[in-house]
C-alpha cells in the first residue's frame, strides 16, 4: 500500500516536495488557498486541491504532512494538522532520502543568502559535488531529484519559519549569523523568534559543529547554556577560533585567506565570507583552495547591488533589506552619506534605530505602507506613493559622484510579489532612465 503525503502550499518548495514524494512512491495531496491555474508538476499520484484548505481532508491518515514556509504556523488549518501529527518542512523531508549529503545550514536575521551563496560557490569551485539550496531559491527536494546518489556538499539557507517545522534536522555544520527583531507580524515576540532560530542546534551532537558569533549580543544572550556539539567561535573584533589579524583571516592559528581577496564591500560581507570559509574547512575543503574561490565570487542580486550610473550618480539596489538592521548595514557600507529610498510593507518593527545613523543619510524619500511612520521619524523625508516616484525625487537631489540606494527597511508585499520582484522592477526603472538620458 502506497505511503500518503499531504503538502500544504504550492509555490516552488511545495511542488518540489510533491515531485520528490511522487518519485518515491507516495500518493500526494497538494493543497493551496490560492487557485493553481498552471501547476509546475503533474503526476498520476498527485491530487491538487486548491482554492482553500478543507479540514475534512484530515479524516484521512497521512504518513507525512509538509508545510510551505509561507503559510504561518498560526493558520487555523495548520493548527488542526499539528493536533493530528507533526508537520515537517520541505528541507527536512528531502533530507530523509539522502544520508550521503553533507549539509551546512545557515540562518540568522540578515546575511543568510550571501553567506549561503559564498559557501555554495566555494563548494562548486573546490569540490565535484557542490551546490547551494534552501530558502534562497532552489528547494532541497529539487537537488535530491537531480542528485539522488551523489555525495553532495550542500550550502543550505534556512529561515525561522522553516526551523519551526524541524524535528530530526541535523546538519553537519550550522550557524546563526546574527539576531535582531524581525517578523513580529508573525511571531508573538522577539523571544519566540530567537527561539525558532536556535532550533538549528536541536539535533546536533559531538560529530557536528556550530559556529558561534561572539560579537552578536543577542546571540550571546539567547544561546543555550550548553551545546551538545563542537563549537567554533568567530569574531571581527575579538580573539576567537576564527578571527581577523591585520589583513589576514585566521582559523585555529592558521591563515585561511586575506581581506583583499574578498570582492564584496563592507565588514558585514567580510564576516559572511569568514563564516562560509570556516564551514567549508570544517567539512573538508582544503584551506589552500579558498583564496581562488572567494576572489571569484560575483555577489548576490538585491544585496547592495550596483545597477547603473545616471548623470554621474551611482544607483544601488538593496531590495533584500527587508528590516531595519539590513538597511543599517547598507548605510555603513558607504564612506559618504547616501540618498536613501525606504518604505514598504509594515512588519510592525520599530524604525527608531535608524535615527542613530541619520548622519549617513544625505536625503530620504519614503513610500509604501510605512511612509508616514518613517516621515514621523525623519521630518525632512520626502513622501511619495510609489518606488518609481521615489527614484525620480532622489535623482532631483543627488549630485554627480553621489550615491542613491534603494534600501527599504521593510518587506515588499504592499506593492510587490517579493523582494526580488521589487528589486527587479527598481533595476528596470534605473536602466531605462540610464539609457534614455
Protein backbone atom coordinates (compact mmCIF):
# COMPACT_ATOMS: atom_id res chain seq x y z
CA UNK A 1 0.00 0.00 0.00
CA UNK A 2 1.38 3.41 -1.01
CA UNK A 3 2.57 5.92 1.55
CA UNK A 4 0.49 9.10 1.71
CA UNK A 5 1.70 12.71 1.90
CA UNK A 6 -0.23 15.92 2.49
CA UNK A 7 1.58 19.02 1.27
CA UNK A 8 0.34 22.46 2.31
CA UNK A 9 1.12 25.25 -0.13
CA UNK A 10 2.29 25.17 -3.71
CA UNK A 11 4.98 27.58 -4.85
CA UNK A 12 8.46 26.27 -5.58
CA UNK A 13 9.09 24.22 -2.46
CA UNK A 14 5.60 22.70 -2.37
CA UNK A 15 5.76 21.44 -5.93
CA UNK A 16 9.36 20.27 -5.50
CA UNK A 17 8.35 18.27 -2.41
CA UNK A 18 5.36 16.86 -4.32
CA UNK A 19 7.59 15.79 -7.19
CA UNK A 20 10.08 14.15 -4.82
CA UNK A 21 7.33 12.37 -2.89
CA UNK A 22 5.73 11.04 -6.08
CA UNK A 23 9.13 9.84 -7.31
CA UNK A 24 9.48 7.84 -4.08
CA UNK A 25 6.08 6.18 -4.45
CA UNK A 26 3.88 8.41 -2.29
CA UNK A 27 0.28 9.25 -3.08
CA UNK A 28 0.31 13.04 -2.69
CA UNK A 29 -2.39 15.60 -1.96
CA UNK A 30 -1.22 19.18 -2.53
CA UNK A 31 -3.48 21.84 -1.02
CA UNK A 32 -3.35 25.59 -1.50
CA UNK A 33 -5.60 28.51 -0.57
CA UNK A 34 -4.93 30.11 -3.94
CA UNK A 35 -6.12 28.82 -7.31
CA UNK A 36 -3.31 26.94 -9.06
CA UNK A 37 -4.02 27.61 -12.72
CA UNK A 38 -0.80 26.22 -14.18
CA UNK A 39 0.79 23.60 -11.90
CA UNK A 40 4.52 23.25 -12.45
CA UNK A 41 4.25 19.49 -11.97
CA UNK A 42 1.62 16.84 -12.66
CA UNK A 43 1.67 13.11 -11.88
CA UNK A 44 -0.88 10.27 -11.67
CA UNK A 45 -0.18 10.05 -7.92
CA UNK A 46 -0.67 13.81 -7.36
CA UNK A 47 -4.04 15.34 -6.45
CA UNK A 48 -4.24 19.14 -6.30
CA UNK A 49 -6.93 20.66 -4.09
CA UNK A 50 -6.79 24.44 -4.47
CA UNK A 51 -8.98 27.38 -3.55
CA UNK A 52 -8.86 26.76 0.19
CA UNK A 53 -7.88 24.29 2.91
CA UNK A 54 -10.53 21.66 3.69
CA UNK A 55 -10.47 20.29 7.23
CA UNK A 56 -12.36 17.16 6.16
CA UNK A 57 -9.14 16.03 4.49
CA UNK A 58 -7.79 15.39 7.99
CA UNK A 59 -10.21 12.47 8.29
CA UNK A 60 -7.64 10.64 6.16
CA UNK A 61 -4.38 9.26 7.53
CA UNK A 62 -1.08 10.60 6.21
CA UNK A 63 2.43 9.28 6.66
CA UNK A 64 3.81 12.80 6.42
CA UNK A 65 2.48 16.38 6.35
CA UNK A 66 4.76 19.01 4.79
CA UNK A 67 4.15 22.78 5.07
CA UNK A 68 5.36 25.57 2.82
CA UNK A 69 7.18 28.20 4.96
CA UNK A 70 4.96 30.92 3.53
CA UNK A 71 1.96 29.58 5.46
CA UNK A 72 2.09 30.83 9.07
CA UNK A 73 2.09 28.23 11.81
CA UNK A 74 -0.81 30.15 13.40
CA UNK A 75 -3.09 29.39 10.44
CA UNK A 76 -6.19 27.51 11.74
CA UNK A 77 -5.70 24.63 9.31
CA UNK A 78 -2.04 24.27 10.30
CA UNK A 79 -3.07 24.25 13.97
CA UNK A 80 -5.59 21.50 13.17
CA UNK A 81 -2.91 19.49 11.35
CA UNK A 82 -0.50 19.78 14.28
CA UNK A 83 -3.13 18.35 16.61
CA UNK A 84 -3.21 15.29 14.37
CA UNK A 85 0.54 14.75 13.83
CA UNK A 86 3.90 16.58 13.46
CA UNK A 87 4.36 18.88 10.46
CA UNK A 88 7.64 18.82 8.54
CA UNK A 89 9.20 21.32 6.19
CA UNK A 90 10.37 20.57 2.69
CA UNK A 91 14.08 20.69 3.63
CA UNK A 92 13.78 18.08 6.36
CA UNK A 93 11.62 15.86 4.14
CA UNK A 94 14.28 15.99 1.41
CA UNK A 95 16.98 15.05 3.93
CA UNK A 96 15.22 11.74 4.65
CA UNK A 97 16.34 10.39 1.26
CA UNK A 98 20.00 11.48 1.10
CA UNK A 99 22.02 10.42 4.14
CA UNK A 100 25.14 10.73 1.97
CA UNK A 101 24.76 14.52 1.68
CA UNK A 102 26.99 16.86 3.70
CA UNK A 103 24.68 19.66 4.79
CA UNK A 104 25.82 23.07 6.07
CA UNK A 105 22.89 25.08 7.45
CA UNK A 106 22.88 28.88 7.66
CA UNK A 107 20.30 31.02 9.42
CA UNK A 108 20.17 34.47 11.05
CA UNK A 109 18.26 37.69 10.58
CA UNK A 110 20.50 39.15 7.86
CA UNK A 111 23.23 37.90 5.54
CA UNK A 112 21.82 34.38 5.06
CA UNK A 113 21.63 34.40 1.29
CA UNK A 114 25.03 35.99 0.72
CA UNK A 115 26.73 33.54 3.10
CA UNK A 116 24.86 30.60 1.58
CA UNK A 117 25.86 31.63 -1.93
CA UNK A 118 29.51 32.22 -0.96
CA UNK A 119 29.70 28.75 0.62
CA UNK A 120 27.91 27.22 -2.36
CA UNK A 121 30.42 28.91 -4.67
CA UNK A 122 33.30 27.54 -2.58
CA UNK A 123 31.82 24.04 -2.81
CA UNK A 124 31.29 24.33 -6.58
CA UNK A 125 34.83 25.64 -7.09
CA UNK A 126 36.65 23.27 -4.75
CA UNK A 127 34.65 20.01 -4.94
CA UNK A 128 32.94 17.99 -7.69
CA UNK A 129 29.53 17.95 -5.98
CA UNK A 130 28.83 21.46 -4.64
CA UNK A 131 25.53 23.36 -4.62
CA UNK A 132 23.53 25.95 -2.67
CA UNK A 133 19.86 25.39 -1.85
CA UNK A 134 17.05 26.09 0.59
CA UNK A 135 15.29 29.34 1.37
CA UNK A 136 17.50 31.22 -1.12
CA UNK A 137 15.54 29.86 -4.09
CA UNK A 138 16.42 26.24 -5.01
CA UNK A 139 14.34 23.74 -2.98
CA UNK A 140 16.45 20.97 -1.48
CA UNK A 141 13.88 18.50 -2.83
CA UNK A 142 14.87 19.55 -6.35
CA UNK A 143 18.54 18.94 -5.55
CA UNK A 144 17.65 15.45 -4.30
CA UNK A 145 15.71 14.77 -7.50
CA UNK A 146 18.66 15.90 -9.62
CA UNK A 147 21.35 14.20 -7.49
CA UNK A 148 19.76 11.20 -5.72
CA UNK A 149 23.01 9.24 -5.34
CA UNK A 150 25.82 11.84 -5.47
CA UNK A 151 27.64 12.81 -2.24
CA UNK A 152 26.54 16.45 -2.49
CA UNK A 153 28.13 19.25 -0.47
CA UNK A 154 25.11 21.46 0.21
CA UNK A 155 25.13 25.04 1.45
CA UNK A 156 21.59 25.44 2.79
CA UNK A 157 19.79 28.64 3.81
CA UNK A 158 17.05 28.01 6.36
CA UNK A 159 14.63 30.58 7.76
CA UNK A 160 12.93 30.78 11.14
CA UNK A 161 9.61 29.67 9.63
CA UNK A 162 11.27 26.51 8.32
CA UNK A 163 13.07 25.78 11.57
CA UNK A 164 9.72 25.74 13.39
CA UNK A 165 8.83 22.62 11.40
CA UNK A 166 12.04 20.66 12.04
CA UNK A 167 12.17 17.55 14.20
CA UNK A 168 15.20 15.48 13.12
CA UNK A 169 17.07 18.09 11.04
CA UNK A 170 20.79 17.53 11.65
CA UNK A 171 23.28 19.49 9.53
CA UNK A 172 27.00 18.71 9.76
CA UNK A 173 27.78 22.38 10.40
CA UNK A 174 25.36 25.13 11.40
CA UNK A 175 25.45 28.81 12.26
CA UNK A 176 23.28 31.74 13.27
CA UNK A 177 24.89 34.78 11.65
CA UNK A 178 23.14 37.42 13.77
CA UNK A 179 19.89 38.10 15.60
CA UNK A 180 17.78 41.25 15.57
CA UNK A 181 13.99 41.61 15.96
CA UNK A 182 12.15 40.63 12.77
CA UNK A 183 8.90 39.04 11.56
CA UNK A 184 6.97 40.39 14.53
CA UNK A 185 3.91 40.39 12.26
CA UNK A 186 4.06 36.59 12.60
CA UNK A 187 5.94 35.77 15.82
CA UNK A 188 4.26 36.84 19.09
CA UNK A 189 7.55 38.19 20.47
CA UNK A 190 11.24 38.62 19.78
CA UNK A 191 11.96 35.83 22.28
CA UNK A 192 9.92 33.34 20.26
CA UNK A 193 11.59 34.47 17.03
CA UNK A 194 15.02 33.88 18.58
CA UNK A 195 13.91 30.50 19.96
CA UNK A 196 12.87 29.46 16.46
CA UNK A 197 16.36 30.29 15.17
CA UNK A 198 18.03 28.26 17.93
CA UNK A 199 16.16 25.13 16.81
CA UNK A 200 19.01 24.79 14.30
CA UNK A 201 21.16 23.20 17.05
CA UNK A 202 18.45 20.93 18.50
CA UNK A 203 19.75 17.68 16.99
CA UNK A 204 23.47 18.42 16.71
CA UNK A 205 25.82 16.06 18.57
CA UNK A 206 29.55 15.66 19.16
CA UNK A 207 30.10 14.81 15.47
CA UNK A 208 28.68 18.18 14.38
CA UNK A 209 29.90 21.79 14.66
CA UNK A 210 28.22 25.10 15.45
CA UNK A 211 29.92 28.39 14.52
CA UNK A 212 29.16 30.95 17.24
CA UNK A 213 29.25 34.70 16.54
CA UNK A 214 30.58 36.10 19.81
CA UNK A 215 30.24 39.69 18.53
CA UNK A 216 26.45 39.49 18.49
CA UNK A 217 24.94 40.44 21.84
CA UNK A 218 21.54 38.93 21.07
CA UNK A 219 23.12 35.61 20.11
CA UNK A 220 25.22 35.51 23.26
CA UNK A 221 22.27 36.41 25.49
CA UNK A 222 19.90 33.85 23.97
CA UNK A 223 22.23 30.90 23.33
CA UNK A 224 21.80 27.56 25.14
CA UNK A 225 23.72 27.10 28.38
CA UNK A 226 25.37 24.00 26.96
CA UNK A 227 25.97 22.77 23.43
CA UNK A 228 25.96 19.05 22.63
CA UNK A 229 28.12 19.69 19.56
CA UNK A 230 31.56 21.15 18.93
CA UNK A 231 31.62 24.97 18.95
CA UNK A 232 33.93 27.28 17.00
CA UNK A 233 33.84 30.96 17.94
CA UNK A 234 34.06 33.67 15.29
CA UNK A 235 34.64 37.42 15.59
CA UNK A 236 35.59 40.51 13.61
CA UNK A 237 36.98 42.31 16.66
CA UNK A 238 37.90 39.79 19.38
CA UNK A 239 40.17 36.80 19.84
CA UNK A 240 38.31 33.74 18.58
CA UNK A 241 38.79 30.44 16.76
CA UNK A 242 38.08 32.32 13.51
CA UNK A 243 39.27 35.94 13.72
CA UNK A 244 40.83 38.93 11.95
CA UNK A 245 44.52 39.63 12.45
CA UNK A 246 45.61 42.66 10.46
CA UNK A 247 44.72 41.91 6.84
CA UNK A 248 44.62 38.15 7.41
CA UNK A 249 41.79 35.84 8.46
CA UNK A 250 42.96 33.23 10.95
CA UNK A 251 41.30 29.92 11.83
CA UNK A 252 42.76 27.92 14.70
CA UNK A 253 46.05 29.80 14.32
CA UNK A 254 46.33 29.29 10.56
CA UNK A 255 45.89 31.93 7.82
CA UNK A 256 42.97 30.88 5.59
CA UNK A 257 42.59 33.97 3.35
CA UNK A 258 43.26 37.72 3.16
CA UNK A 259 40.87 40.64 3.35
CA UNK A 260 41.92 41.89 -0.08
CA UNK A 261 40.68 38.64 -1.64
CA UNK A 262 37.07 39.43 -0.66
CA UNK A 263 35.31 41.09 -3.63
CA UNK A 264 32.34 42.35 -1.58
CA UNK A 265 32.05 45.72 0.16
CA UNK A 266 31.53 46.15 3.91
CA UNK A 267 32.63 44.49 7.13
CA UNK A 268 29.35 42.56 7.21
CA UNK A 269 30.36 40.83 3.99
CA UNK A 270 33.84 40.08 5.34
CA UNK A 271 32.10 38.35 8.25
CA UNK A 272 29.81 36.42 5.89
CA UNK A 273 32.81 35.18 3.91
CA UNK A 274 34.64 34.22 7.13
CA UNK A 275 31.68 32.07 8.17
CA UNK A 276 31.46 30.41 4.75
CA UNK A 277 35.20 29.70 4.68
CA UNK A 278 35.14 28.22 8.18
CA UNK A 279 32.20 25.97 7.35
CA UNK A 280 33.96 24.77 4.21
CA UNK A 281 37.12 23.89 6.14
CA UNK A 282 35.14 22.02 8.82
CA UNK A 283 33.65 19.71 6.17
CA UNK A 284 36.97 19.05 4.47
CA UNK A 285 37.71 21.75 1.89
CA UNK A 286 41.45 22.39 1.74
CA UNK A 287 42.29 25.90 3.04
CA UNK A 288 44.77 26.49 0.21
CA UNK A 289 41.88 26.35 -2.30
CA UNK A 290 39.82 29.05 -0.58
CA UNK A 291 41.51 32.17 -1.96
CA UNK A 292 40.70 31.39 -5.60
CA UNK A 293 37.10 30.51 -4.76
CA UNK A 294 36.49 33.61 -2.61
CA UNK A 295 38.07 36.08 -5.04
CA UNK A 296 35.98 34.76 -7.96
CA UNK A 297 32.62 35.20 -6.19
CA UNK A 298 30.44 37.70 -8.10
CA UNK A 299 27.99 38.76 -5.40
CA UNK A 300 24.25 38.24 -4.93
CA UNK A 301 21.42 40.17 -6.62
CA UNK A 302 19.46 42.66 -4.48
CA UNK A 303 22.18 42.96 -1.81
CA UNK A 304 23.80 46.41 -2.21
CA UNK A 305 23.92 45.59 -5.93
CA UNK A 306 25.30 48.24 -8.26
CA UNK A 307 22.74 48.87 -11.02
CA UNK A 308 23.81 51.81 -13.21
CA UNK A 309 25.00 55.42 -13.25
CA UNK A 310 22.64 58.27 -14.18
CA UNK A 311 24.21 61.69 -14.79
CA UNK A 312 27.18 60.70 -12.66
CA UNK A 313 25.03 59.36 -9.80
CA UNK A 314 25.61 55.70 -8.93
CA UNK A 315 22.42 53.78 -8.12
CA UNK A 316 22.34 50.61 -5.97
CA UNK A 317 19.62 48.04 -5.38
CA UNK A 318 19.40 46.73 -1.82
CA UNK A 319 15.86 45.35 -2.04
CA UNK A 320 16.81 42.45 0.23
CA UNK A 321 16.96 44.94 3.12
CA UNK A 322 13.58 43.91 4.49
CA UNK A 323 14.30 45.06 8.05
CA UNK A 324 15.98 47.95 9.83
CA UNK A 325 19.22 46.13 10.62
CA UNK A 326 19.77 45.28 6.95
CA UNK A 327 19.35 48.93 5.98
CA UNK A 328 21.81 49.95 8.70
CA UNK A 329 24.30 47.56 7.09
CA UNK A 330 23.83 49.39 3.78
CA UNK A 331 24.30 52.79 5.43
CA UNK A 332 27.56 51.57 6.99
CA UNK A 333 28.82 50.12 3.70
CA UNK A 334 29.39 53.53 2.08
CA UNK A 335 32.07 56.03 3.11
CA UNK A 336 29.85 59.07 2.45
CA UNK A 337 26.19 59.86 3.21
CA UNK A 338 23.80 58.34 0.69
CA UNK A 339 20.47 59.31 -0.84
CA UNK A 340 18.17 56.64 0.52
CA UNK A 341 14.81 55.24 -0.62
CA UNK A 342 12.88 53.46 2.14
CA UNK A 343 9.40 52.10 2.82
CA UNK A 344 7.13 49.16 2.14
CA UNK A 345 5.03 46.56 3.91
CA UNK A 346 4.59 47.02 7.66
CA UNK A 347 6.04 44.12 9.70
CA UNK A 348 5.40 46.01 12.95
CA UNK A 349 9.10 46.60 13.53
CA UNK A 350 10.35 49.79 15.21
CA UNK A 351 12.38 52.13 12.99
CA UNK A 352 13.98 54.02 15.88
CA UNK A 353 17.45 52.50 15.39
CA UNK A 354 17.71 54.25 12.03
CA UNK A 355 17.83 57.58 13.86
CA UNK A 356 21.30 56.68 15.16
CA UNK A 357 22.54 56.67 11.55
CA UNK A 358 20.90 59.90 10.41
CA UNK A 359 24.31 61.38 9.64
CA UNK A 360 24.77 58.68 6.97
CA UNK A 361 21.61 59.81 5.12
CA UNK A 362 22.08 62.70 2.68
CA UNK A 363 18.39 62.66 1.72
CA UNK A 364 15.46 60.33 2.30
CA UNK A 365 12.45 59.57 0.11
CA UNK A 366 9.79 57.28 1.60
CA UNK A 367 6.86 55.38 0.06
CA UNK A 368 4.54 52.45 0.77
CA UNK A 369 2.58 51.41 3.86
CA UNK A 370 5.25 52.65 6.27
CA UNK A 371 5.86 56.06 4.69
CA UNK A 372 4.09 58.02 7.44
CA UNK A 373 5.95 56.17 10.23
CA UNK A 374 9.26 56.97 8.53
CA UNK A 375 8.20 60.58 7.96
CA UNK A 376 7.41 60.92 11.66
CA UNK A 377 10.93 59.72 12.50
CA UNK A 378 12.61 61.81 9.77
CA UNK A 379 10.58 65.03 9.31
CA UNK A 380 12.81 66.08 6.40
CA UNK A 381 11.85 62.97 4.39
CA UNK A 382 10.01 63.41 1.09
CA UNK A 383 6.80 61.35 0.94
CA UNK A 384 5.64 59.76 -2.34
CA UNK A 385 3.33 56.89 -3.24
CA UNK A 386 5.45 54.60 -5.40
CA UNK A 387 9.02 53.42 -5.78
CA UNK A 388 9.21 54.97 -9.26
CA UNK A 389 8.28 58.38 -7.82
CA UNK A 390 10.86 57.87 -5.08
CA UNK A 391 13.62 57.25 -7.62
CA UNK A 392 12.70 60.39 -9.59
CA UNK A 393 12.72 62.51 -6.41
CA UNK A 394 16.12 61.14 -5.36
CA UNK A 395 17.57 61.88 -8.80
CA UNK A 396 16.44 65.51 -8.47
CA UNK A 397 18.50 65.86 -5.29
CA UNK A 398 21.61 63.71 -5.89
CA UNK A 399 24.69 65.26 -7.48
CA UNK A 400 27.36 63.63 -9.66
CA UNK A 401 29.64 61.22 -7.75
CA UNK A 402 26.94 60.74 -5.09
CA UNK A 403 25.01 57.54 -4.45
CA UNK A 404 21.32 56.55 -4.40
CA UNK A 405 20.38 53.31 -2.64
CA UNK A 406 17.04 51.55 -2.52
CA UNK A 407 17.27 50.02 0.97
CA UNK A 408 13.64 49.78 2.12
CA UNK A 409 14.00 48.54 5.74
CA UNK A 410 10.63 46.89 5.05
CA UNK A 411 9.15 43.86 3.34
CA UNK A 412 7.76 44.27 -0.17
CA UNK A 413 4.27 42.79 -0.02
CA UNK A 414 2.36 46.08 -0.09
CA UNK A 415 3.22 46.71 -3.76
CA UNK A 416 5.28 43.75 -4.99
CA UNK A 417 5.28 39.93 -5.05
CA UNK A 418 8.51 39.69 -3.06
CA UNK A 419 11.84 41.47 -2.58
CA UNK A 420 13.15 40.00 -5.86
CA UNK A 421 10.23 41.48 -7.78
CA UNK A 422 10.78 44.83 -6.07
CA UNK A 423 14.50 44.77 -6.88
CA UNK A 424 13.95 43.69 -10.49
CA UNK A 425 11.42 46.48 -11.05
CA UNK A 426 13.79 49.00 -9.49
CA UNK A 427 16.66 47.86 -11.72
CA UNK A 428 14.42 48.13 -14.77
CA UNK A 429 13.46 51.70 -13.80
CA UNK A 430 17.11 52.67 -13.30
CA UNK A 431 18.34 51.07 -16.51
CA UNK A 432 15.54 52.63 -18.56
CA UNK A 433 16.41 56.07 -17.19
CA UNK A 434 20.13 55.50 -17.76
CA UNK A 435 19.64 54.64 -21.43
CA UNK A 436 17.10 57.39 -22.13
CA UNK A 437 19.13 60.31 -20.73
